[in-house]
Amino acid sequence: MRCPIGEGQKIDGEVNSTPHEQMQREVDYVRAQQILTSMLEKDLITLSEFNKITELNRKTFSPLLAEIMP
């Protein structure tokens, strides 16, 4: 069953993306978080900075599971 809203159209201000685009955002988010974790482990950033950047990454990449991710 197809959604009546086409790909790329906005729903409540958000773009309805294709499954491929959403998957790419998920992968990009995971990669960004892996780099961020590595930086934290090497004491290149503080825990506070890690948390702030994680929040920005969630907004930027909009992963579907962001609300349940640590």
PDB file of N, CA and C in Angstrom:
ATOM      1  N   MET A   1       0.852  -1.182   0.000  1.00  0.00           N
ATOM      2  CA  MET A   1       0.000   0.000   0.000  1.00  0.00           C
ATOM      3  C   MET A   1       0.890   1.235   0.000  1.00  0.00           C
ATOM      4  N   ARG A   2       0.659   2.122  -0.937  1.00  0.00           N
ATOM      5  CA  ARG A   2       1.466   3.331  -1.047  1.00  0.00           C
ATOM      6  C   ARG A   2       0.859   4.442  -0.207  1.00  0.00           C
ATOM      7  N   CYS A   3       1.737   5.226   0.343  1.00  0.00           N
ATOM      8  CA  CYS A   3       1.328   6.398   1.101  1.00  0.00           C
ATOM      9  C   CYS A   3       0.846   7.462   0.116  1.00  0.00           C
ATOM     10  N   PRO A   4      -0.252   8.162   0.404  1.00  0.00           N
ATOM     11  CA  PRO A   4      -0.746   9.178  -0.521  1.00  0.00           C
ATOM     12  C   PRO A   4       0.198  10.375  -0.656  1.00  0.00           C
ATOM     13  N   ILE A   5       1.107  10.515   0.255  1.00  0.00           N
ATOM     14  CA  ILE A   5       2.067  11.611   0.181  1.00  0.00           C
ATOM     15  C   ILE A   5       3.290  11.104  -0.555  1.00  0.00           C
ATOM     16  N   GLY A   6       3.702  11.821  -1.583  1.00  0.00           N
ATOM     17  CA  GLY A   6       4.834  11.402  -2.395  1.00  0.00           C
ATOM     18  C   GLY A   6       6.160  11.606  -1.687  1.00  0.00           C
ATOM     19  N   GLU A   7       7.169  10.929  -2.200  1.00  0.00           N
ATOM     20  CA  GLU A   7       8.502  11.066  -1.640  1.00  0.00           C
ATOM     21  C   GLU A   7       8.969  12.494  -1.809  1.00  0.00           C
ATOM     22  N   GLY A   8       9.608  13.021  -0.784  1.00  0.00           N
ATOM     23  CA  GLY A   8      10.131  14.373  -0.843  1.00  0.00           C
ATOM     24  C   GLY A   8       9.124  15.432  -0.424  1.00  0.00           C
ATOM     25  N   GLN A   9       7.846  15.048  -0.233  1.00  0.00           N
ATOM     26  CA  GLN A   9       6.862  16.011   0.224  1.00  0.00           C
ATOM     27  C   GLN A   9       6.954  16.149   1.732  1.00  0.00           C
ATOM     28  N   LYS A  10       6.510  17.302   2.218  1.00  0.00           N
ATOM     29  CA  LYS A  10       6.618  17.563   3.650  1.00  0.00           C
ATOM     30  C   LYS A  10       5.376  17.096   4.391  1.00  0.00           C
ATOM     31  N   ILE A  11       5.627  16.524   5.561  1.00  0.00           N
ATOM     32  CA  ILE A  11       4.568  16.129   6.477  1.00  0.00           C
ATOM     33  C   ILE A  11       4.869  16.848   7.779  1.00  0.00           C
ATOM     34  N   ASP A  12       3.998  17.747   8.196  1.00  0.00           N
ATOM     35  CA  ASP A  12       4.213  18.500   9.428  1.00  0.00           C
ATOM     36  C   ASP A  12       5.605  19.117   9.476  1.00  0.00           C
ATOM     37  N   GLY A  13       6.056  19.664   8.357  1.00  0.00           N
ATOM     38  CA  GLY A  13       7.348  20.340   8.313  1.00  0.00           C
ATOM     39  C   GLY A  13       8.540  19.436   8.098  1.00  0.00           C
ATOM     40  N   GLU A  14       8.339  18.127   8.035  1.00  0.00           N
ATOM     41  CA  GLU A  14       9.443  17.194   7.826  1.00  0.00           C
ATOM     42  C   GLU A  14       9.338  16.586   6.434  1.00  0.00           C
ATOM     43  N   VAL A  15      10.475  16.380   5.812  1.00  0.00           N
ATOM     44  CA  VAL A  15      10.490  15.790   4.479  1.00  0.00           C
ATOM     45  C   VAL A  15      10.295  14.285   4.591  1.00  0.00           C
ATOM     46  N   ASN A  16       9.379  13.757   3.782  1.00  0.00           N
ATOM     47  CA  ASN A  16       9.126  12.321   3.713  1.00  0.00           C
ATOM     48  C   ASN A  16      10.191  11.727   2.800  1.00  0.00           C
ATOM     49  N   SER A  17      11.205  11.107   3.355  1.00  0.00           N
ATOM     50  CA  SER A  17      12.323  10.610   2.559  1.00  0.00           C
ATOM     51  C   SER A  17      12.114   9.156   2.145  1.00  0.00           C
ATOM     52  N   THR A  18      12.914   8.745   1.177  1.00  0.00           N
ATOM     53  CA  THR A  18      12.851   7.368   0.708  1.00  0.00           C
ATOM     54  C   THR A  18      13.512   6.452   1.734  1.00  0.00           C
ATOM     55  N   PRO A  19      13.205   5.167   1.674  1.00  0.00           N
ATOM     56  CA  PRO A  19      13.865   4.232   2.601  1.00  0.00           C
ATOM     57  C   PRO A  19      15.390   4.257   2.456  1.00  0.00           C
ATOM     58  N   HIS A  20      15.888   4.436   1.233  1.00  0.00           N
ATOM     59  CA  HIS A  20      17.340   4.500   1.022  1.00  0.00           C
ATOM     60  C   HIS A  20      17.938   5.710   1.733  1.00  0.00           C
ATOM     61  N   GLU A  21      17.279   6.865   1.613  1.00  0.00           N
ATOM     62  CA  GLU A  21      17.778   8.077   2.277  1.00  0.00           C
ATOM     63  C   GLU A  21      17.762   7.904   3.789  1.00  0.00           C
ATOM     64  N   GLN A  22      16.699   7.305   4.315  1.00  0.00           N
ATOM     65  CA  GLN A  22      16.619   7.091   5.761  1.00  0.00           C
ATOM     66  C   GLN A  22      17.711   6.131   6.215  1.00  0.00           C
ATOM     67  N   MET A  23      17.944   5.072   5.458  1.00  0.00           N
ATOM     68  CA  MET A  23      18.993   4.114   5.806  1.00  0.00           C
ATOM     69  C   MET A  23      20.357   4.800   5.785  1.00  0.00           C
ATOM     70  N   GLN A  24      20.590   5.671   4.803  1.00  0.00           N
ATOM     71  CA  GLN A  24      21.865   6.381   4.726  1.00  0.00           C
ATOM     72  C   GLN A  24      22.047   7.283   5.944  1.00  0.00           C
ATOM     73  N   ARG A  25      20.965   7.942   6.378  1.00  0.00           N
ATOM     74  CA  ARG A  25      21.054   8.784   7.583  1.00  0.00           C
ATOM     75  C   ARG A  25      21.369   7.941   8.814  1.00  0.00           C
ATOM     76  N   GLU A  26      20.779   6.753   8.897  1.00  0.00           N
ATOM     77  CA  GLU A  26      21.066   5.853  10.022  1.00  0.00           C
ATOM     78  C   GLU A  26      22.549   5.477  10.038  1.00  0.00           C
ATOM     79  N   VAL A  27      23.081   5.110   8.870  1.00  0.00           N
ATOM     80  CA  VAL A  27      24.494   4.724   8.760  1.00  0.00           C
ATOM     81  C   VAL A  27      25.386   5.907   9.108  1.00  0.00           C
ATOM     82  N   ASP A  28      25.059   7.082   8.592  1.00  0.00           N
ATOM     83  CA  ASP A  28      25.854   8.279   8.877  1.00  0.00           C
ATOM     84  C   ASP A  28      25.850   8.601  10.370  1.00  0.00           C
ATOM     85  N   TYR A  29      24.693   8.426  11.006  1.00  0.00           N
ATOM     86  CA  TYR A  29      24.596   8.680  12.442  1.00  0.00           C
ATOM     87  C   TYR A  29      25.487   7.716  13.219  1.00  0.00           C
ATOM     88  N   VAL A  30      25.419   6.440  12.881  1.00  0.00           N
ATOM     89  CA  VAL A  30      26.233   5.439  13.585  1.00  0.00           C
ATOM     90  C   VAL A  30      27.717   5.743  13.406  1.00  0.00           C
ATOM     91  N   ARG A  31      28.119   6.094  12.191  1.00  0.00           N
ATOM     92  CA  ARG A  31      29.528   6.434  11.943  1.00  0.00           C
ATOM     93  C   ARG A  31      29.954   7.650  12.760  1.00  0.00           C
ATOM     94  N   ALA A  32      29.118   8.669  12.768  1.00  0.00           N
ATOM     95  CA  ALA A  32      29.436   9.879  13.527  1.00  0.00           C
ATOM     96  C   ALA A  32      29.584   9.558  15.012  1.00  0.00           C
ATOM     97  N   GLN A  33      28.700   8.707  15.521  1.00  0.00           N
ATOM     98  CA  GLN A  33      28.767   8.348  16.938  1.00  0.00           C
ATOM     99  C   GLN A  33      29.995   7.496  17.243  1.00  0.00           C
ATOM    100  N   GLN A  34      30.397   6.652  16.320  1.00  0.00           N
ATOM    101  CA  GLN A  34      31.610   5.859  16.531  1.00  0.00           C
ATOM    102  C   GLN A  34      32.835   6.764  16.628  1.00  0.00           C
ATOM    103  N   ILE A  35      32.915   7.746  15.752  1.00  0.00           N
ATOM    104  CA  ILE A  35      34.026   8.703  15.798  1.00  0.00           C
ATOM    105  C   ILE A  35      33.980   9.484  17.097  1.00  0.00           C
ATOM    106  N   LEU A  36      32.799   9.920  17.476  1.00  0.00           N
ATOM    107  CA  LEU A  36      32.627  10.693  18.702  1.00  0.00           C
ATOM    108  C   LEU A  36      33.036   9.880  19.931  1.00  0.00           C
ATOM    109  N   THR A  37      32.647   8.619  19.974  1.00  0.00           N
ATOM    110  CA  THR A  37      33.018   7.738  21.087  1.00  0.00           C
ATOM    111  C   THR A  37      34.527   7.566  21.151  1.00  0.00           C
ATOM    112  N   SER A  38      35.141   7.405  20.011  1.00  0.00           N
ATOM    113  CA  SER A  38      36.599   7.282  19.953  1.00  0.00           C
ATOM    114  C   SER A  38      37.268   8.542  20.490  1.00  0.00           C
ATOM    115  N   MET A  39      36.738   9.690  20.122  1.00  0.00           N
ATOM    116  CA  MET A  39      37.296  10.956  20.609  1.00  0.00           C
ATOM    117  C   MET A  39      37.160  11.068  22.124  1.00  0.00           C
ATOM    118  N   LEU A  40      36.021  10.618  22.657  1.00  0.00           N
ATOM    119  CA  LEU A  40      35.801  10.649  24.102  1.00  0.00           C
ATOM    120  C   LEU A  40      36.777   9.719  24.812  1.00  0.00           C
ATOM    121  N   GLU A  41      36.954   8.522  24.278  1.00  0.00           N
ATOM    122  CA  GLU A  41      37.864   7.546  24.889  1.00  0.00           C
ATOM    123  C   GLU A  41      39.313   8.026  24.887  1.00  0.00           C
ATOM    124  N   LYS A  42      39.668   8.857  23.915  1.00  0.00           N
ATOM    125  CA  LYS A  42      41.036   9.387  23.827  1.00  0.00           C
ATOM    126  C   LYS A  42      41.179  10.730  24.541  1.00  0.00           C
ATOM    127  N   ASP A  43      40.136  11.105  25.280  1.00  0.00           N
ATOM    128  CA  ASP A  43      40.107  12.368  26.025  1.00  0.00           C
ATOM    129  C   ASP A  43      40.299  13.593  25.135  1.00  0.00           C
ATOM    130  N   LEU A  44      39.826  13.505  23.896  1.00  0.00           N
ATOM    131  CA  LEU A  44      39.881  14.655  22.999  1.00  0.00           C
ATOM    132  C   LEU A  44      38.692  15.585  23.211  1.00  0.00           C
ATOM    133  N   ILE A  45      37.612  15.023  23.790  1.00  0.00           N
ATOM    134  CA  ILE A  45      36.435  15.808  24.146  1.00  0.00           C
ATOM    135  C   ILE A  45      35.973  15.369  25.530  1.00  0.00           C
ATOM    136  N   THR A  46      35.213  16.237  26.185  1.00  0.00           N
ATOM    137  CA  THR A  46      34.669  15.912  27.505  1.00  0.00           C
ATOM    138  C   THR A  46      33.335  15.177  27.344  1.00  0.00           C
ATOM    139  N   LEU A  47      32.862  14.596  28.442  1.00  0.00           N
ATOM    140  CA  LEU A  47      31.563  13.921  28.422  1.00  0.00           C
ATOM    141  C   LEU A  47      30.455  14.914  28.084  1.00  0.00           C
ATOM    142  N   SER A  48      30.560  16.112  28.614  1.00  0.00           N
ATOM    143  CA  SER A  48      29.571  17.149  28.313  1.00  0.00           C
ATOM    144  C   SER A  48      29.553  17.473  26.819  1.00  0.00           C
ATOM    145  N   GLU A  49      30.726  17.595  26.215  1.00  0.00           N
ATOM    146  CA  GLU A  49      30.813  17.852  24.777  1.00  0.00           C
ATOM    147  C   GLU A  49      30.249  16.676  23.990  1.00  0.00           C
ATOM    148  N   PHE A  50      30.562  15.464  24.437  1.00  0.00           N
ATOM    149  CA  PHE A  50      30.040  14.251  23.798  1.00  0.00           C
ATOM    150  C   PHE A  50      28.515  14.280  23.778  1.00  0.00           C
ATOM    151  N   ASN A  51      27.915  14.591  24.923  1.00  0.00           N
ATOM    152  CA  ASN A  51      26.453  14.612  25.022  1.00  0.00           C
ATOM    153  C   ASN A  51      25.840  15.693  24.135  1.00  0.00           C
ATOM    154  N   LYS A  52      26.470  16.863  24.090  1.00  0.00           N
ATOM    155  CA  LYS A  52      25.957  17.950  23.253  1.00  0.00           C
ATOM    156  C   LYS A  52      26.042  17.591  21.771  1.00  0.00           C
ATOM    157  N   ILE A  53      27.164  17.011  21.359  1.00  0.00           N
ATOM    158  CA  ILE A  53      27.338  16.646  19.956  1.00  0.00           C
ATOM    159  C   ILE A  53      26.402  15.499  19.581  1.00  0.00           C
ATOM    160  N   THR A  54      26.185  14.565  20.511  1.00  0.00           N
ATOM    161  CA  THR A  54      25.237  13.473  20.266  1.00  0.00           C
ATOM    162  C   THR A  54      23.849  14.034  19.989  1.00  0.00           C
ATOM    163  N   GLU A  55      23.431  15.001  20.772  1.00  0.00           N
ATOM    164  CA  GLU A  55      22.121  15.626  20.559  1.00  0.00           C
ATOM    165  C   GLU A  55      22.057  16.296  19.184  1.00  0.00           C
ATOM    166  N   LEU A  56      23.122  16.989  18.810  1.00  0.00           N
ATOM    167  CA  LEU A  56      23.174  17.614  17.481  1.00  0.00           C
ATOM    168  C   LEU A  56      23.127  16.562  16.372  1.00  0.00           C
ATOM    169  N   ASN A  57      23.831  15.457  16.572  1.00  0.00           N
ATOM    170  CA  ASN A  57      23.819  14.381  15.578  1.00  0.00           C
ATOM    171  C   ASN A  57      22.415  13.813  15.411  1.00  0.00           C
ATOM    172  N   ARG A  58      21.693  13.666  16.494  1.00  0.00           N
ATOM    173  CA  ARG A  58      20.325  13.139  16.410  1.00  0.00           C
ATOM    174  C   ARG A  58      19.429  14.078  15.618  1.00  0.00           C
ATOM    175  N   LYS A  59      19.633  15.377  15.804  1.00  0.00           N
ATOM    176  CA  LYS A  59      18.833  16.352  15.056  1.00  0.00           C
ATOM    177  C   LYS A  59      19.254  16.391  13.593  1.00  0.00           C
ATOM    178  N   THR A  60      20.551  16.289  13.347  1.00  0.00           N
ATOM    179  CA  THR A  60      21.078  16.378  11.984  1.00  0.00           C
ATOM    180  C   THR A  60      20.720  15.158  11.154  1.00  0.00           C
ATOM    181  N   PHE A  61      20.948  13.971  11.703  1.00  0.00           N
ATOM    182  CA  PHE A  61      20.750  12.741  10.948  1.00  0.00           C
ATOM    183  C   PHE A  61      19.354  12.160  11.103  1.00  0.00           C
ATOM    184  N   SER A  62      18.612  12.582  12.111  1.00  0.00           N
ATOM    185  CA  SER A  62      17.250  12.114  12.368  1.00  0.00           C
ATOM    186  C   SER A  62      17.105  10.601  12.318  1.00  0.00           C
ATOM    187  N   PRO A  63      17.923   9.871  13.078  1.00  0.00           N
ATOM    188  CA  PRO A  63      17.760   8.416  13.063  1.00  0.00           C
ATOM    189  C   PRO A  63      16.397   8.030  13.635  1.00  0.00           C
ATOM    190  N   LEU A  64      15.781   7.011  13.060  1.00  0.00           N
ATOM    191  CA  LEU A  64      14.452   6.585  13.503  1.00  0.00           C
ATOM    192  C   LEU A  64      14.443   6.135  14.955  1.00  0.00           C
ATOM    193  N   LEU A  65      15.524   5.541  15.393  1.00  0.00           N
ATOM    194  CA  LEU A  65      15.572   4.987  16.743  1.00  0.00           C
ATOM    195  C   LEU A  65      16.232   5.928  17.746  1.00  0.00           C
ATOM    196  N   ALA A  66      16.359   7.200  17.425  1.00  0.00           N
ATOM    197  CA  ALA A  66      17.070   8.155  18.280  1.00  0.00           C
ATOM    198  C   ALA A  66      16.515   8.192  19.702  1.00  0.00           C
ATOM    199  N   GLU A  67      15.200   8.056  19.853  1.00  0.00           N
ATOM    200  CA  GLU A  67      14.611   8.170  21.175  1.00  0.00           C
ATOM    201  C   GLU A  67      14.982   7.028  22.107  1.00  0.00           C
ATOM    202  N   ILE A  68      15.335   5.863  21.550  1.00  0.00           N
ATOM    203  CA  ILE A  68      15.694   4.742  22.416  1.00  0.00           C
ATOM    204  C   ILE A  68      17.195   4.499  22.462  1.00  0.00           C
ATOM    205  N   MET A  69      17.947   5.269  21.670  1.00  0.00           N
ATOM    206  CA  MET A  69      19.404   5.114  21.673  1.00  0.00           C
ATOM    207  C   MET A  69      19.991   5.794  22.899  1.00  0.00           C
ATOM    208  N   PRO A  70      21.081   5.213  23.421  1.00  0.00           N
ATOM    209  CA  PRO A  70      21.709   5.829  24.601  1.00  0.00           C
ATOM    210  C   PRO A  70      22.342   7.162  24.262  1.00  0.00           C
TER     211      PRO A  70
END
